[in-house]
C-alpha cells in the first residue's frame, strides 16, 4: 500500500512559491503547481535552467503554508 500512497503524492499537484534566482524571472513563473512529493524544480530560462530545491523549514506538508522552493543554481542547455 505504501507504493500507492507515494504515487498519489507525486501526481497530486500543489501550489508552490519559487524564491531567489535571476531578477528577470517573471513573477508569474514564481507561483506554480508542482507534484506534492517533489523536492526539486527545474525552470527553463534564458537558454538554461534555473534549479530550485524545497525548503523544509517553510511550508511543511502538515501545515497550511504554501511550500517554498529556493534557488540553488543555474545550468546551461547542452547543444
Protein backbone atom coordinates (compact mmCIF):
# COMPACT_ATOMS: atom_id res chain seq x y z
CA UNK A 1 0.00 0.00 0.00
CA UNK A 2 2.89 2.38 0.59
CA UNK A 3 3.62 2.44 -3.15
CA UNK A 4 0.10 3.67 -3.86
CA UNK A 5 0.49 6.50 -1.34
CA UNK A 6 3.84 7.53 -2.86
CA UNK A 7 2.38 7.59 -6.38
CA UNK A 8 -0.60 9.63 -5.25
CA UNK A 9 1.67 12.18 -3.57
CA UNK A 10 3.78 12.53 -6.73
CA UNK A 11 0.81 13.01 -9.02
CA UNK A 12 -1.17 15.29 -6.69
CA UNK A 13 -0.06 18.84 -7.66
CA UNK A 14 0.10 21.58 -5.06
CA UNK A 15 0.73 25.34 -5.21
CA UNK A 16 4.37 26.31 -4.55
CA UNK A 17 6.43 29.52 -4.47
CA UNK A 18 9.90 29.93 -6.02
CA UNK A 19 12.31 32.23 -4.15
CA UNK A 20 15.62 33.62 -5.38
CA UNK A 21 17.25 33.21 -8.76
CA UNK A 22 17.51 35.79 -11.54
CA UNK A 23 15.76 39.12 -11.14
CA UNK A 24 14.21 38.81 -14.60
CA UNK A 25 12.38 35.56 -13.83
CA UNK A 26 8.73 36.63 -14.28
CA UNK A 27 6.61 36.93 -11.16
CA UNK A 28 4.03 34.63 -12.78
CA UNK A 29 6.70 31.90 -13.02
CA UNK A 30 7.41 32.16 -9.29
CA UNK A 31 4.00 30.75 -8.34
CA UNK A 32 3.22 27.41 -9.90
CA UNK A 33 1.83 23.93 -9.36
CA UNK A 34 4.24 21.08 -8.70
CA UNK A 35 3.99 17.44 -7.55
CA UNK A 36 3.35 17.26 -3.79
CA UNK A 37 6.30 14.93 -3.19
CA UNK A 38 8.71 16.90 -5.38
CA UNK A 39 12.00 18.04 -3.87
CA UNK A 40 13.37 19.93 -6.88
CA UNK A 41 12.03 22.12 -9.68
CA UNK A 42 13.84 23.00 -12.91
CA UNK A 43 12.60 26.03 -14.89
CA UNK A 44 13.79 26.80 -18.45
CA UNK A 45 15.01 30.40 -18.61
CA UNK A 46 17.29 32.38 -20.98
CA UNK A 47 18.87 29.36 -22.70
CA UNK A 48 19.41 27.44 -19.49
CA UNK A 49 17.66 26.07 -16.44
CA UNK A 50 17.11 27.61 -13.03
CA UNK A 51 17.14 24.98 -10.28
CA UNK A 52 15.15 25.23 -7.05
CA UNK A 53 15.07 22.91 -4.02
CA UNK A 54 12.33 22.58 -1.44
CA UNK A 55 12.97 24.49 1.77
CA UNK A 56 11.88 22.11 4.52
CA UNK A 57 11.94 24.87 7.14
CA UNK A 58 9.00 26.59 5.42
CA UNK A 59 5.72 25.17 4.13
CA UNK A 60 5.75 21.78 5.79
CA UNK A 61 3.08 19.46 4.33
CA UNK A 62 1.32 19.10 7.70
CA UNK A 63 0.64 22.85 7.82
CA UNK A 64 -1.47 25.11 5.65
CA UNK A 65 1.51 27.14 4.37
CA UNK A 66 2.49 27.19 0.71
CA UNK A 67 5.73 25.19 0.20
CA UNK A 68 8.76 27.31 -0.72
CA UNK A 69 11.46 26.25 -3.18
CA UNK A 70 14.75 28.20 -3.02
CA UNK A 71 17.04 28.81 -5.99
CA UNK A 72 20.21 26.72 -5.86
CA UNK A 73 21.94 27.07 -9.26
CA UNK A 74 21.74 27.68 -12.97
CA UNK A 75 22.81 25.25 -15.70
CA UNK A 76 23.12 25.79 -19.43
CA UNK A 77 21.29 23.70 -22.02
CA UNK A 78 23.77 21.41 -23.73
CA UNK A 79 23.84 21.70 -27.51
